[in-house]
Amino acid sequence: IPPSQPISGDSRKAKRERREQDDEAIDDFDADFDIVENAATKDESTITSADSAAKRALHLSQLPIDEAAKTWNLPQFLVDNLKADSYENFFPIQCMVIPDVI
């Protein structure tokens, strides 16, 4: 076996270490959503721009698709196509990225 190739027992250890790293990355990603989930218990004097962006996205995602689309001046044909496909609201993540995309 060449030195660069892992021994069979080592490959399981390497896979476990990769899984643990992936789990940690997911945990870091989840921390971003604590802003929204813990907003009620958070001191209002420490609101950051990420907090307000998340709150705005949640608010827009609760509006009917027509009203939310008006805030971004989306063309009516896009709104009509979304409604024809039975969409009633945008998802919060869409509400966060649509302004940046357009």
C-alpha atoms as a PDB file:
ATOM      1  CA  ILE A   1       0.000   0.000   0.000  1.00  0.00           C
ATOM      2  CA  PRO A   2       1.476   3.364  -0.971  1.00  0.00           C
ATOM      3  CA  PRO A   3       1.933   5.829   1.912  1.00  0.00           C
ATOM      4  CA  SER A   4      -0.645   8.279   0.518  1.00  0.00           C
ATOM      5  CA  GLN A   5      -3.400   5.662   0.579  1.00  0.00           C
ATOM      6  CA  PRO A   6      -5.222   5.278   3.928  1.00  0.00           C
ATOM      7  CA  ILE A   7      -5.239   1.938   5.667  1.00  0.00           C
ATOM      8  CA  SER A   8      -8.742   0.449   5.882  1.00  0.00           C
ATOM      9  CA  GLY A   9      -9.212   1.364   9.563  1.00  0.00           C
ATOM     10  CA  ASP A  10      -8.027   4.938   8.924  1.00  0.00           C
ATOM     11  CA  SER A  11     -10.622   5.554   6.198  1.00  0.00           C
ATOM     12  CA  ARG A  12     -13.461   5.070   8.694  1.00  0.00           C
ATOM     13  CA  LYS A  13     -11.790   7.506  11.055  1.00  0.00           C
ATOM     14  CA  ALA A  14     -11.365  10.033   8.237  1.00  0.00           C
ATOM     15  CA  LYS A  15     -15.051   9.661   7.268  1.00  0.00           C
ATOM     16  CA  ARG A  16     -16.111  10.184  10.880  1.00  0.00           C
ATOM     17  CA  GLU A  17     -13.934  13.303  11.140  1.00  0.00           C
ATOM     18  CA  ARG A  18     -15.448  14.654   7.889  1.00  0.00           C
ATOM     19  CA  ARG A  19     -18.957  13.991   9.239  1.00  0.00           C
ATOM     20  CA  GLU A  20     -18.110  15.839  12.446  1.00  0.00           C
ATOM     21  CA  GLN A  21     -16.801  18.795  10.426  1.00  0.00           C
ATOM     22  CA  ASP A  22     -19.959  18.797   8.296  1.00  0.00           C
ATOM     23  CA  ASP A  23     -22.097  18.685  11.438  1.00  0.00           C
ATOM     24  CA  GLU A  24     -20.206  21.673  12.823  1.00  0.00           C
ATOM     25  CA  ALA A  25     -20.764  23.607   9.584  1.00  0.00           C
ATOM     26  CA  ILE A  26     -24.492  22.900   9.818  1.00  0.00           C
ATOM     27  CA  ASP A  27     -24.498  24.072  13.439  1.00  0.00           C
ATOM     28  CA  ASP A  28     -22.869  27.346  12.385  1.00  0.00           C
ATOM     29  CA  PHE A  29     -25.484  27.766   9.647  1.00  0.00           C
ATOM     30  CA  ASP A  30     -28.294  27.140  12.135  1.00  0.00           C
ATOM     31  CA  ALA A  31     -26.952  29.856  14.392  1.00  0.00           C
ATOM     32  CA  ASP A  32     -27.891  32.444  11.766  1.00  0.00           C
ATOM     33  CA  PHE A  33     -31.545  31.513  12.171  1.00  0.00           C
ATOM     34  CA  ASP A  34     -31.453  32.024  15.934  1.00  0.00           C
ATOM     35  CA  ILE A  35     -31.923  35.713  15.125  1.00  0.00           C
ATOM     36  CA  VAL A  36     -35.490  35.074  14.088  1.00  0.00           C
ATOM     37  CA  GLU A  37     -36.322  32.313  16.532  1.00  0.00           C
ATOM     38  CA  ASN A  38     -35.095  34.223  19.584  1.00  0.00           C
ATOM     39  CA  ALA A  39     -36.203  37.695  18.513  1.00  0.00           C
ATOM     40  CA  ALA A  40     -38.899  37.870  21.196  1.00  0.00           C
ATOM     41  CA  THR A  41     -36.401  37.365  24.006  1.00  0.00           C
ATOM     42  CA  LYS A  42     -33.698  39.582  22.526  1.00  0.00           C
ATOM     43  CA  ASP A  43     -32.921  43.020  23.872  1.00  0.00           C
ATOM     44  CA  GLU A  44     -34.253  45.459  21.243  1.00  0.00           C
ATOM     45  CA  SER A  45     -31.270  47.790  21.761  1.00  0.00           C
ATOM     46  CA  THR A  46     -28.943  45.208  20.169  1.00  0.00           C
ATOM     47  CA  ILE A  47     -30.770  44.717  16.847  1.00  0.00           C
ATOM     48  CA  THR A  48     -28.312  44.362  13.978  1.00  0.00           C
ATOM     49  CA  SER A  49     -28.851  44.809  10.250  1.00  0.00           C
ATOM     50  CA  ALA A  50     -29.093  41.012   9.925  1.00  0.00           C
ATOM     51  CA  ASP A  51     -31.901  41.027  12.495  1.00  0.00           C
ATOM     52  CA  SER A  52     -33.873  43.684  10.660  1.00  0.00           C
ATOM     53  CA  ALA A  53     -33.320  41.970   7.289  1.00  0.00           C
ATOM     54  CA  ALA A  54     -34.653  38.720   8.708  1.00  0.00           C
ATOM     55  CA  LYS A  55     -37.663  40.447  10.262  1.00  0.00           C
ATOM     56  CA  ARG A  56     -38.390  42.274   7.004  1.00  0.00           C
ATOM     57  CA  ALA A  57     -38.153  39.009   5.057  1.00  0.00           C
ATOM     58  CA  LEU A  58     -40.562  37.315   7.447  1.00  0.00           C
ATOM     59  CA  HIS A  59     -42.998  40.204   7.124  1.00  0.00           C
ATOM     60  CA  LEU A  60     -42.851  40.203   3.311  1.00  0.00           C
ATOM     61  CA  SER A  61     -43.273  36.426   3.176  1.00  0.00           C
ATOM     62  CA  GLN A  62     -46.585  36.762   5.000  1.00  0.00           C
ATOM     63  CA  LEU A  63     -47.992  39.261   2.478  1.00  0.00           C
ATOM     64  CA  PRO A  64     -49.942  38.134  -0.570  1.00  0.00           C
ATOM     65  CA  ILE A  65     -47.635  37.669  -3.533  1.00  0.00           C
ATOM     66  CA  ASP A  66     -49.072  40.765  -5.287  1.00  0.00           C
ATOM     67  CA  GLU A  67     -48.221  43.078  -2.397  1.00  0.00           C
ATOM     68  CA  ALA A  68     -44.731  41.689  -1.851  1.00  0.00           C
ATOM     69  CA  ALA A  69     -43.993  41.899  -5.581  1.00  0.00           C
ATOM     70  CA  LYS A  70     -44.991  45.588  -5.601  1.00  0.00           C
ATOM     71  CA  THR A  71     -42.274  46.390  -3.050  1.00  0.00           C
ATOM     72  CA  TRP A  72     -39.692  45.218  -5.605  1.00  0.00           C
ATOM     73  CA  ASN A  73     -41.522  46.499  -8.710  1.00  0.00           C
ATOM     74  CA  LEU A  74     -41.590  43.007 -10.218  1.00  0.00           C
ATOM     75  CA  PRO A  75     -43.153  42.854 -13.686  1.00  0.00           C
ATOM     76  CA  GLN A  76     -46.824  41.861 -13.634  1.00  0.00           C
ATOM     77  CA  PHE A  77     -46.259  38.886 -15.959  1.00  0.00           C
ATOM     78  CA  LEU A  78     -43.982  37.310 -13.320  1.00  0.00           C
ATOM     79  CA  VAL A  79     -46.619  37.772 -10.645  1.00  0.00           C
ATOM     80  CA  ASP A  80     -49.304  36.359 -12.956  1.00  0.00           C
ATOM     81  CA  ASN A  81     -47.146  33.306 -13.720  1.00  0.00           C
ATOM     82  CA  LEU A  82     -46.513  32.666 -10.022  1.00  0.00           C
ATOM     83  CA  LYS A  83     -50.203  32.970  -9.223  1.00  0.00           C
ATOM     84  CA  ALA A  84     -51.079  30.658 -12.142  1.00  0.00           C
ATOM     85  CA  ASP A  85     -48.768  28.085 -10.530  1.00  0.00           C
ATOM     86  CA  SER A  86     -50.741  28.478  -7.246  1.00  0.00           C
ATOM     87  CA  TYR A  87     -48.105  30.439  -5.324  1.00  0.00           C
ATOM     88  CA  GLU A  88     -49.649  32.697  -2.710  1.00  0.00           C
ATOM     89  CA  ASN A  89     -46.563  33.955  -0.841  1.00  0.00           C
ATOM     90  CA  PHE A  90     -42.833  34.207  -1.299  1.00  0.00           C
ATOM     91  CA  PHE A  91     -40.579  32.182   0.996  1.00  0.00           C
ATOM     92  CA  PRO A  92     -38.580  34.230   3.534  1.00  0.00           C
ATOM     93  CA  ILE A  93     -35.298  33.390   1.806  1.00  0.00           C
ATOM     94  CA  GLN A  94     -36.718  34.680  -1.476  1.00  0.00           C
ATOM     95  CA  CYS A  95     -37.718  37.887   0.281  1.00  0.00           C
ATOM     96  CA  MET A  96     -34.117  38.312   1.416  1.00  0.00           C
ATOM     97  CA  VAL A  97     -32.438  37.685  -1.943  1.00  0.00           C
ATOM     98  CA  ILE A  98     -34.858  39.124  -4.520  1.00  0.00           C
ATOM     99  CA  PRO A  99     -33.869  42.753  -3.750  1.00  0.00           C
ATOM    100  CA  ASP A 100     -30.197  41.860  -4.232  1.00  0.00           C
ATOM    101  CA  VAL A 101     -30.863  39.976  -7.450  1.00  0.00           C
ATOM    102  CA  ILE A 102     -32.898  42.709  -9.079  1.00  0.00           C
END
